[in-house]
Amino acid sequence: MEYLTFNKFISPDILIIIYYISVAAITLMLFIYNKYFLNKFIHQFKIKSRVLIWLLLILIFLCMQLCLRVFFEIVIGYFDMHNMLYKLTLTNSTLK
């Protein structure tokens, strides 16, 4: 029963692994999008527009990565707060 508690089942180590898997998945999806969709339509634009499109895609990619990182940092912080409150309740219950 102790294994299925919140402290053991969901840990920051697992969240870090999930973060790196999701970063790889986003990069792979962007690569597939680039290969199949963007290459078909980007040749219709002028050179200046192509550069702007690529800069926009790079900016979107970096923003997605930043948002994902912030989300996981917030979740890890939440779990750390939960662990500290859990430890406080254990120490307070033993003092009574």
PDB file of N, CA and C in Angstrom:
ATOM      1  N   MET A   1       0.821  -1.199   0.000  1.00  0.00           N
ATOM      2  CA  MET A   1       0.000   0.000   0.000  1.00  0.00           C
ATOM      3  C   MET A   1       0.863   1.261   0.000  1.00  0.00           C
ATOM      4  N   GLU A   2       2.037   1.197   0.595  1.00  0.00           N
ATOM      5  CA  GLU A   2       2.921   2.360   0.654  1.00  0.00           C
ATOM      6  C   GLU A   2       3.413   2.757  -0.735  1.00  0.00           C
ATOM      7  N   TYR A   3       3.531   1.797  -1.652  1.00  0.00           N
ATOM      8  CA  TYR A   3       4.028   2.104  -2.993  1.00  0.00           C
ATOM      9  C   TYR A   3       3.048   2.981  -3.762  1.00  0.00           C
ATOM     10  N   LEU A   4       1.771   2.829  -3.527  1.00  0.00           N
ATOM     11  CA  LEU A   4       0.767   3.569  -4.287  1.00  0.00           C
ATOM     12  C   LEU A   4       0.449   4.943  -3.699  1.00  0.00           C
ATOM     13  N   THR A   5       1.171   5.375  -2.697  1.00  0.00           N
ATOM     14  CA  THR A   5       0.920   6.708  -2.153  1.00  0.00           C
ATOM     15  C   THR A   5       1.422   7.763  -3.121  1.00  0.00           C
ATOM     16  N   PHE A   6       1.013   8.966  -2.871  1.00  0.00           N
ATOM     17  CA  PHE A   6       1.357  10.081  -3.753  1.00  0.00           C
ATOM     18  C   PHE A   6       2.865  10.304  -3.827  1.00  0.00           C
ATOM     19  N   ASN A   7       3.553  10.085  -2.716  1.00  0.00           N
ATOM     20  CA  ASN A   7       4.998  10.336  -2.670  1.00  0.00           C
ATOM     21  C   ASN A   7       5.783   9.342  -3.513  1.00  0.00           C
ATOM     22  N   LYS A   8       5.329   8.123  -3.608  1.00  0.00           N
ATOM     23  CA  LYS A   8       6.075   7.096  -4.330  1.00  0.00           C
ATOM     24  C   LYS A   8       5.634   6.986  -5.788  1.00  0.00           C
ATOM     25  N   PHE A   9       4.347   7.109  -6.024  1.00  0.00           N
ATOM     26  CA  PHE A   9       3.821   6.840  -7.361  1.00  0.00           C
ATOM     27  C   PHE A   9       4.170   7.941  -8.358  1.00  0.00           C
ATOM     28  N   ILE A  10       4.084   9.194  -7.926  1.00  0.00           N
ATOM     29  CA  ILE A  10       4.418  10.314  -8.801  1.00  0.00           C
ATOM     30  C   ILE A  10       5.594  11.045  -8.168  1.00  0.00           C
ATOM     31  N   SER A  11       6.720  11.004  -8.836  1.00  0.00           N
ATOM     32  CA  SER A  11       7.899  11.664  -8.277  1.00  0.00           C
ATOM     33  C   SER A  11       8.468  12.638  -9.308  1.00  0.00           C
ATOM     34  N   PRO A  12       9.274  13.594  -8.869  1.00  0.00           N
ATOM     35  CA  PRO A  12       9.897  14.533  -9.810  1.00  0.00           C
ATOM     36  C   PRO A  12      10.800  13.836 -10.829  1.00  0.00           C
ATOM     37  N   ASP A  13      11.380  12.698 -10.453  1.00  0.00           N
ATOM     38  CA  ASP A  13      12.225  11.972 -11.416  1.00  0.00           C
ATOM     39  C   ASP A  13      11.417  11.489 -12.615  1.00  0.00           C
ATOM     40  N   ILE A  14      10.215  11.000 -12.352  1.00  0.00           N
ATOM     41  CA  ILE A  14       9.350  10.547 -13.448  1.00  0.00           C
ATOM     42  C   ILE A  14       8.930  11.735 -14.307  1.00  0.00           C
ATOM     43  N   LEU A  15       8.649  12.866 -13.676  1.00  0.00           N
ATOM     44  CA  LEU A  15       8.258  14.058 -14.436  1.00  0.00           C
ATOM     45  C   LEU A  15       9.391  14.560 -15.326  1.00  0.00           C
ATOM     46  N   ILE A  16      10.626  14.454 -14.873  1.00  0.00           N
ATOM     47  CA  ILE A  16      11.761  14.874 -15.698  1.00  0.00           C
ATOM     48  C   ILE A  16      11.887  13.963 -16.910  1.00  0.00           C
ATOM     49  N   ILE A  17      11.678  12.672 -16.710  1.00  0.00           N
ATOM     50  CA  ILE A  17      11.720  11.727 -17.846  1.00  0.00           C
ATOM     51  C   ILE A  17      10.603  12.041 -18.836  1.00  0.00           C
ATOM     52  N   ILE A  18       9.404  12.313 -18.327  1.00  0.00           N
ATOM     53  CA  ILE A  18       8.278  12.661 -19.202  1.00  0.00           C
ATOM     54  C   ILE A  18       8.557  13.965 -19.942  1.00  0.00           C
ATOM     55  N   TYR A  19       9.223  14.913 -19.270  1.00  0.00           N
ATOM     56  CA  TYR A  19       9.567  16.170 -19.922  1.00  0.00           C
ATOM     57  C   TYR A  19      10.476  15.927 -21.131  1.00  0.00           C
ATOM     58  N   TYR A  20      11.522  15.135 -20.954  1.00  0.00           N
ATOM     59  CA  TYR A  20      12.448  14.895 -22.062  1.00  0.00           C
ATOM     60  C   TYR A  20      11.794  14.091 -23.184  1.00  0.00           C
ATOM     61  N   ILE A  21      10.902  13.186 -22.849  1.00  0.00           N
ATOM     62  CA  ILE A  21      10.170  12.454 -23.884  1.00  0.00           C
ATOM     63  C   ILE A  21       9.272  13.411 -24.671  1.00  0.00           C
ATOM     64  N   SER A  22       8.603  14.330 -23.974  1.00  0.00           N
ATOM     65  CA  SER A  22       7.724  15.272 -24.676  1.00  0.00           C
ATOM     66  C   SER A  22       8.517  16.261 -25.520  1.00  0.00           C
ATOM     67  N   VAL A  23       9.712  16.663 -25.069  1.00  0.00           N
ATOM     68  CA  VAL A  23      10.561  17.538 -25.890  1.00  0.00           C
ATOM     69  C   VAL A  23      10.957  16.824 -27.175  1.00  0.00           C
ATOM     70  N   ALA A  24      11.324  15.561 -27.069  1.00  0.00           N
ATOM     71  CA  ALA A  24      11.680  14.787 -28.265  1.00  0.00           C
ATOM     72  C   ALA A  24      10.475  14.610 -29.177  1.00  0.00           C
ATOM     73  N   ALA A  25       9.295  14.407 -28.600  1.00  0.00           N
ATOM     74  CA  ALA A  25       8.082  14.235 -29.412  1.00  0.00           C
ATOM     75  C   ALA A  25       7.722  15.525 -30.148  1.00  0.00           C
ATOM     76  N   ILE A  26       7.843  16.669 -29.491  1.00  0.00           N
ATOM     77  CA  ILE A  26       7.543  17.939 -30.147  1.00  0.00           C
ATOM     78  C   ILE A  26       8.521  18.191 -31.291  1.00  0.00           C
ATOM     79  N   THR A  27       9.796  17.904 -31.054  1.00  0.00           N
ATOM     80  CA  THR A  27      10.795  18.085 -32.105  1.00  0.00           C
ATOM     81  C   THR A  27      10.514  17.166 -33.282  1.00  0.00           C
ATOM     82  N   LEU A  28      10.147  15.928 -33.012  1.00  0.00           N
ATOM     83  CA  LEU A  28       9.833  14.980 -34.080  1.00  0.00           C
ATOM     84  C   LEU A  28       8.592  15.415 -34.860  1.00  0.00           C
ATOM     85  N   MET A  29       7.574  15.892 -34.151  1.00  0.00           N
ATOM     86  CA  MET A  29       6.365  16.352 -34.843  1.00  0.00           C
ATOM     87  C   MET A  29       6.650  17.563 -35.721  1.00  0.00           C
ATOM     88  N   LEU A  30       7.491  18.469 -35.245  1.00  0.00           N
ATOM     89  CA  LEU A  30       7.856  19.630 -36.056  1.00  0.00           C
ATOM     90  C   LEU A  30       8.644  19.208 -37.288  1.00  0.00           C
ATOM     91  N   PHE A  31       9.513  18.234 -37.140  1.00  0.00           N
ATOM     92  CA  PHE A  31      10.277  17.734 -38.281  1.00  0.00           C
ATOM     93  C   PHE A  31       9.355  17.091 -39.315  1.00  0.00           C
ATOM     94  N   ILE A  32       8.390  16.300 -38.861  1.00  0.00           N
ATOM     95  CA  ILE A  32       7.433  15.664 -39.781  1.00  0.00           C
ATOM     96  C   ILE A  32       6.576  16.730 -40.465  1.00  0.00           C
ATOM     97  N   TYR A  33       6.137  17.722 -39.704  1.00  0.00           N
ATOM     98  CA  TYR A  33       5.359  18.820 -40.272  1.00  0.00           C
ATOM     99  C   TYR A  33       6.173  19.540 -41.342  1.00  0.00           C
ATOM    100  N   ASN A  34       7.435  19.777 -41.055  1.00  0.00           N
ATOM    101  CA  ASN A  34       8.304  20.453 -42.009  1.00  0.00           C
ATOM    102  C   ASN A  34       8.469  19.622 -43.275  1.00  0.00           C
ATOM    103  N   LYS A  35       8.678  18.348 -43.118  1.00  0.00           N
ATOM    104  CA  LYS A  35       8.960  17.503 -44.264  1.00  0.00           C
ATOM    105  C   LYS A  35       7.757  17.336 -45.183  1.00  0.00           C
ATOM    106  N   TYR A  36       6.592  17.119 -44.626  1.00  0.00           N
ATOM    107  CA  TYR A  36       5.434  16.799 -45.464  1.00  0.00           C
ATOM    108  C   TYR A  36       4.587  17.993 -45.855  1.00  0.00           C
ATOM    109  N   PHE A  37       4.472  18.971 -44.997  1.00  0.00           N
ATOM    110  CA  PHE A  37       3.547  20.059 -45.277  1.00  0.00           C
ATOM    111  C   PHE A  37       4.244  21.326 -45.744  1.00  0.00           C
ATOM    112  N   LEU A  38       5.240  21.737 -45.008  1.00  0.00           N
ATOM    113  CA  LEU A  38       5.855  23.029 -45.292  1.00  0.00           C
ATOM    114  C   LEU A  38       6.642  23.020 -46.586  1.00  0.00           C
ATOM    115  N   ASN A  39       7.330  21.928 -46.894  1.00  0.00           N
ATOM    116  CA  ASN A  39       8.113  21.872 -48.130  1.00  0.00           C
ATOM    117  C   ASN A  39       7.246  21.958 -49.381  1.00  0.00           C
ATOM    118  N   LYS A  40       5.982  21.587 -49.280  1.00  0.00           N
ATOM    119  CA  LYS A  40       5.076  21.672 -50.429  1.00  0.00           C
ATOM    120  C   LYS A  40       4.671  23.111 -50.723  1.00  0.00           C
ATOM    121  N   PHE A  41       4.566  23.925 -49.686  1.00  0.00           N
ATOM    122  CA  PHE A  41       4.010  25.258 -49.862  1.00  0.00           C
ATOM    123  C   PHE A  41       5.027  26.383 -49.755  1.00  0.00           C
ATOM    124  N   ILE A  42       6.192  26.137 -49.209  1.00  0.00           N
ATOM    125  CA  ILE A  42       7.141  27.230 -48.986  1.00  0.00           C
ATOM    126  C   ILE A  42       7.770  27.722 -50.282  1.00  0.00           C
ATOM    127  N   HIS A  43       7.782  26.907 -51.313  1.00  0.00           N
ATOM    128  CA  HIS A  43       8.376  27.331 -52.586  1.00  0.00           C
ATOM    129  C   HIS A  43       7.519  28.364 -53.314  1.00  0.00           C
ATOM    130  N   GLN A  44       6.299  28.537 -52.873  1.00  0.00           N
ATOM    131  CA  GLN A  44       5.424  29.523 -53.502  1.00  0.00           C
ATOM    132  C   GLN A  44       5.743  30.948 -53.047  1.00  0.00           C
ATOM    133  N   PHE A  45       6.441  31.095 -51.958  1.00  0.00           N
ATOM    134  CA  PHE A  45       6.730  32.413 -51.412  1.00  0.00           C
ATOM    135  C   PHE A  45       8.071  32.934 -51.912  1.00  0.00           C
ATOM    136  N   LYS A  46       8.247  34.246 -51.784  1.00  0.00           N
ATOM    137  CA  LYS A  46       9.524  34.857 -52.135  1.00  0.00           C
ATOM    138  C   LYS A  46      10.543  34.548 -51.039  1.00  0.00           C
ATOM    139  N   ILE A  47      11.799  34.835 -51.332  1.00  0.00           N
ATOM    140  CA  ILE A  47      12.888  34.516 -50.408  1.00  0.00           C
ATOM    141  C   ILE A  47      12.699  35.232 -49.067  1.00  0.00           C
ATOM    142  N   LYS A  48      12.328  36.499 -49.106  1.00  0.00           N
ATOM    143  CA  LYS A  48      12.152  37.263 -47.870  1.00  0.00           C
ATOM    144  C   LYS A  48      11.023  36.673 -47.029  1.00  0.00           C
ATOM    145  N   SER A  49       9.961  36.263 -47.672  1.00  0.00           N
ATOM    146  CA  SER A  49       8.849  35.649 -46.948  1.00  0.00           C
ATOM    147  C   SER A  49       9.246  34.297 -46.375  1.00  0.00           C
ATOM    148  N   ARG A  50      10.061  33.552 -47.098  1.00  0.00           N
ATOM    149  CA  ARG A  50      10.525  32.253 -46.581  1.00  0.00           C
ATOM    150  C   ARG A  50      11.338  32.431 -45.307  1.00  0.00           C
ATOM    151  N   VAL A  51      12.201  33.423 -45.315  1.00  0.00           N
ATOM    152  CA  VAL A  51      13.017  33.673 -44.122  1.00  0.00           C
ATOM    153  C   VAL A  51      12.118  34.045 -42.947  1.00  0.00           C
ATOM    154  N   LEU A  52      11.121  34.876 -43.198  1.00  0.00           N
ATOM    155  CA  LEU A  52      10.195  35.252 -42.133  1.00  0.00           C
ATOM    156  C   LEU A  52       9.394  34.054 -41.633  1.00  0.00           C
ATOM    157  N   ILE A  53       8.994  33.189 -42.531  1.00  0.00           N
ATOM    158  CA  ILE A  53       8.257  31.987 -42.126  1.00  0.00           C
ATOM    159  C   ILE A  53       9.134  31.095 -41.254  1.00  0.00           C
ATOM    160  N   TRP A  54      10.391  30.899 -41.662  1.00  0.00           N
ATOM    161  CA  TRP A  54      11.302  30.068 -40.878  1.00  0.00           C
ATOM    162  C   TRP A  54      11.578  30.691 -39.517  1.00  0.00           C
ATOM    163  N   LEU A  55      11.755  31.993 -39.465  1.00  0.00           N
ATOM    164  CA  LEU A  55      11.970  32.654 -38.179  1.00  0.00           C
ATOM    165  C   LEU A  55      10.741  32.529 -37.275  1.00  0.00           C
ATOM    166  N   LEU A  56       9.567  32.644 -37.866  1.00  0.00           N
ATOM    167  CA  LEU A  56       8.331  32.476 -37.104  1.00  0.00           C
ATOM    168  C   LEU A  56       8.216  31.048 -36.569  1.00  0.00           C
ATOM    169  N   LEU A  57       8.543  30.063 -37.386  1.00  0.00           N
ATOM    170  CA  LEU A  57       8.481  28.669 -36.929  1.00  0.00           C
ATOM    171  C   LEU A  57       9.489  28.399 -35.816  1.00  0.00           C
ATOM    172  N   ILE A  58      10.674  28.959 -35.925  1.00  0.00           N
ATOM    173  CA  ILE A  58      11.675  28.783 -34.873  1.00  0.00           C
ATOM    174  C   ILE A  58      11.215  29.456 -33.589  1.00  0.00           C
ATOM    175  N   LEU A  59      10.617  30.636 -33.703  1.00  0.00           N
ATOM    176  CA  LEU A  59      10.100  31.336 -32.536  1.00  0.00           C
ATOM    177  C   LEU A  59       8.971  30.553 -31.875  1.00  0.00           C
ATOM    178  N   ILE A  60       8.073  29.997 -32.669  1.00  0.00           N
ATOM    179  CA  ILE A  60       6.979  29.182 -32.130  1.00  0.00           C
ATOM    180  C   ILE A  60       7.535  27.947 -31.427  1.00  0.00           C
ATOM    181  N   PHE A  61       8.534  27.314 -32.035  1.00  0.00           N
ATOM    182  CA  PHE A  61       9.155  26.134 -31.437  1.00  0.00           C
ATOM    183  C   PHE A  61       9.791  26.470 -30.096  1.00  0.00           C
ATOM    184  N   LEU A  62      10.520  27.572 -30.037  1.00  0.00           N
ATOM    185  CA  LEU A  62      11.157  27.962 -28.780  1.00  0.00           C
ATOM    186  C   LEU A  62      10.132  28.331 -27.711  1.00  0.00           C
ATOM    187  N   CYS A  63       9.050  28.971 -28.109  1.00  0.00           N
ATOM    188  CA  CYS A  63       7.993  29.303 -27.151  1.00  0.00           C
ATOM    189  C   CYS A  63       7.300  28.043 -26.629  1.00  0.00           C
ATOM    190  N   MET A  64       7.092  27.071 -27.510  1.00  0.00           N
ATOM    191  CA  MET A  64       6.501  25.806 -27.072  1.00  0.00           C
ATOM    192  C   MET A  64       7.403  25.117 -26.059  1.00  0.00           C
ATOM    193  N   GLN A  65       8.696  25.116 -26.324  1.00  0.00           N
ATOM    194  CA  GLN A  65       9.636  24.483 -25.400  1.00  0.00           C
ATOM    195  C   GLN A  65       9.661  25.221 -24.058  1.00  0.00           C
ATOM    196  N   LEU A  66       9.621  26.536 -24.106  1.00  0.00           N
ATOM    197  CA  LEU A  66       9.627  27.324 -22.874  1.00  0.00           C
ATOM    198  C   LEU A  66       8.353  27.087 -22.064  1.00  0.00           C
ATOM    199  N   CYS A  67       7.212  27.066 -22.731  1.00  0.00           N
ATOM    200  CA  CYS A  67       5.946  26.813 -22.028  1.00  0.00           C
ATOM    201  C   CYS A  67       5.927  25.420 -21.419  1.00  0.00           C
ATOM    202  N   LEU A  68       6.441  24.452 -22.131  1.00  0.00           N
ATOM    203  CA  LEU A  68       6.506  23.092 -21.606  1.00  0.00           C
ATOM    204  C   LEU A  68       7.413  23.025 -20.391  1.00  0.00           C
ATOM    205  N   ARG A  69       8.552  23.700 -20.461  1.00  0.00           N
ATOM    206  CA  ARG A  69       9.486  23.715 -19.336  1.00  0.00           C
ATOM    207  C   ARG A  69       8.855  24.386 -18.114  1.00  0.00           C
ATOM    208  N   VAL A  70       8.191  25.508 -18.311  1.00  0.00           N
ATOM    209  CA  VAL A  70       7.548  26.218 -17.200  1.00  0.00           C
ATOM    210  C   VAL A  70       6.452  25.346 -16.587  1.00  0.00           C
ATOM    211  N   PHE A  71       5.667  24.669 -17.423  1.00  0.00           N
ATOM    212  CA  PHE A  71       4.611  23.794 -16.918  1.00  0.00           C
ATOM    213  C   PHE A  71       5.189  22.709 -16.022  1.00  0.00           C
ATOM    214  N   PHE A  72       6.253  22.051 -16.476  1.00  0.00           N
ATOM    215  CA  PHE A  72       6.832  20.980 -15.677  1.00  0.00           C
ATOM    216  C   PHE A  72       7.513  21.519 -14.414  1.00  0.00           C
ATOM    217  N   GLU A  73       8.087  22.694 -14.482  1.00  0.00           N
ATOM    218  CA  GLU A  73       8.667  23.286 -13.269  1.00  0.00           C
ATOM    219  C   GLU A  73       7.577  23.596 -12.243  1.00  0.00           C
ATOM    220  N   ILE A  74       6.434  24.070 -12.690  1.00  0.00           N
ATOM    221  CA  ILE A  74       5.320  24.343 -11.785  1.00  0.00           C
ATOM    222  C   ILE A  74       4.820  23.053 -11.164  1.00  0.00           C
ATOM    223  N   VAL A  75       4.685  22.004 -11.948  1.00  0.00           N
ATOM    224  CA  VAL A  75       4.212  20.721 -11.421  1.00  0.00           C
ATOM    225  C   VAL A  75       5.208  20.154 -10.418  1.00  0.00           C
ATOM    226  N   ILE A  76       6.500  20.230 -10.723  1.00  0.00           N
ATOM    227  CA  ILE A  76       7.510  19.736  -9.780  1.00  0.00           C
ATOM    228  C   ILE A  76       7.493  20.563  -8.499  1.00  0.00           C
ATOM    229  N   GLY A  77       7.323  21.869  -8.618  1.00  0.00           N
ATOM    230  CA  GLY A  77       7.202  22.719  -7.429  1.00  0.00           C
ATOM    231  C   GLY A  77       5.976  22.362  -6.604  1.00  0.00           C
ATOM    232  N   TYR A  78       4.882  22.055  -7.279  1.00  0.00           N
ATOM    233  CA  TYR A  78       3.666  21.632  -6.574  1.00  0.00           C
ATOM    234  C   TYR A  78       3.915  20.342  -5.807  1.00  0.00           C
ATOM    235  N   PHE A  79       4.585  19.393  -6.423  1.00  0.00           N
ATOM    236  CA  PHE A  79       4.873  18.132  -5.742  1.00  0.00           C
ATOM    237  C   PHE A  79       5.824  18.336  -4.569  1.00  0.00           C
ATOM    238  N   ASP A  80       6.778  19.242  -4.701  1.00  0.00           N
ATOM    239  CA  ASP A  80       7.669  19.539  -3.583  1.00  0.00           C
ATOM    240  C   ASP A  80       6.901  20.169  -2.417  1.00  0.00           C
ATOM    241  N   MET A  81       5.965  21.075  -2.739  1.00  0.00           N
ATOM    242  CA  MET A  81       5.147  21.665  -1.679  1.00  0.00           C
ATOM    243  C   MET A  81       4.288  20.592  -1.007  1.00  0.00           C
ATOM    244  N   HIS A  82       3.738  19.688  -1.800  1.00  0.00           N
ATOM    245  CA  HIS A  82       2.925  18.608  -1.247  1.00  0.00           C
ATOM    246  C   HIS A  82       3.763  17.737  -0.313  1.00  0.00           C
ATOM    247  N   ASN A  83       4.980  17.415  -0.724  1.00  0.00           N
ATOM    248  CA  ASN A  83       5.846  16.588   0.119  1.00  0.00           C
ATOM    249  C   ASN A  83       6.181  17.292   1.433  1.00  0.00           C
ATOM    250  N   MET A  84       6.463  18.581   1.366  1.00  0.00           N
ATOM    251  CA  MET A  84       6.779  19.319   2.589  1.00  0.00           C
ATOM    252  C   MET A  84       5.563  19.395   3.522  1.00  0.00           C
ATOM    253  N   LEU A  85       4.385  19.643   2.969  1.00  0.00           N
ATOM    254  CA  LEU A  85       3.173  19.676   3.802  1.00  0.00           C
ATOM    255  C   LEU A  85       2.879  18.303   4.390  1.00  0.00           C
ATOM    256  N   TYR A  86       3.138  17.264   3.629  1.00  0.00           N
ATOM    257  CA  TYR A  86       2.939  15.900   4.112  1.00  0.00           C
ATOM    258  C   TYR A  86       3.887  15.610   5.273  1.00  0.00           C
ATOM    259  N   LYS A  87       5.144  16.027   5.147  1.00  0.00           N
ATOM    260  CA  LYS A  87       6.112  15.826   6.235  1.00  0.00           C
ATOM    261  C   LYS A  87       5.733  16.649   7.465  1.00  0.00           C
ATOM    262  N   LEU A  88       5.208  17.859   7.247  1.00  0.00           N
ATOM    263  CA  LEU A  88       4.773  18.691   8.379  1.00  0.00           C
ATOM    264  C   LEU A  88       3.610  18.052   9.129  1.00  0.00           C
ATOM    265  N   THR A  89       2.675  17.463   8.386  1.00  0.00           N
ATOM    266  CA  THR A  89       1.554  16.811   9.057  1.00  0.00           C
ATOM    267  C   THR A  89       2.013  15.578   9.817  1.00  0.00           C
ATOM    268  N   LEU A  90       3.008  14.883   9.303  1.00  0.00           N
ATOM    269  CA  LEU A  90       3.521  13.721  10.029  1.00  0.00           C
ATOM    270  C   LEU A  90       4.225  14.138  11.317  1.00  0.00           C
ATOM    271  N   THR A  91       5.005  15.211  11.243  1.00  0.00           N
ATOM    272  CA  THR A  91       5.714  15.662  12.462  1.00  0.00           C
ATOM    273  C   THR A  91       4.734  16.250  13.462  1.00  0.00           C
ATOM    274  N   ASN A  92       3.699  16.928  13.001  1.00  0.00           N
ATOM    275  CA  ASN A  92       2.704  17.489  13.923  1.00  0.00           C
ATOM    276  C   ASN A  92       1.863  16.404  14.558  1.00  0.00           C
ATOM    277  N   SER A  93       1.579  15.345  13.824  1.00  0.00           N
ATOM    278  CA  SER A  93       0.762  14.269  14.398  1.00  0.00           C
ATOM    279  C   SER A  93       1.569  13.463  15.420  1.00  0.00           C
ATOM    280  N   THR A  94       2.876  13.397  15.270  1.00  0.00           N
ATOM    281  CA  THR A  94       3.682  12.678  16.257  1.00  0.00           C
ATOM    282  C   THR A  94       3.920  13.509  17.513  1.00  0.00           C
ATOM    283  N   LEU A  95       3.799  14.833  17.384  1.00  0.00           N
ATOM    284  CA  LEU A  95       3.988  15.704  18.555  1.00  0.00           C
ATOM    285  C   LEU A  95       2.799  15.674  19.493  1.00  0.00           C
ATOM    286  N   LYS A  96       1.616  15.341  18.988  1.00  0.00           N
ATOM    287  CA  LYS A  96       0.389  15.378  19.810  1.00  0.00           C
ATOM    288  C   LYS A  96       0.301  14.212  20.719  1.00  0.00           C
TER     289      LYS A  96
END
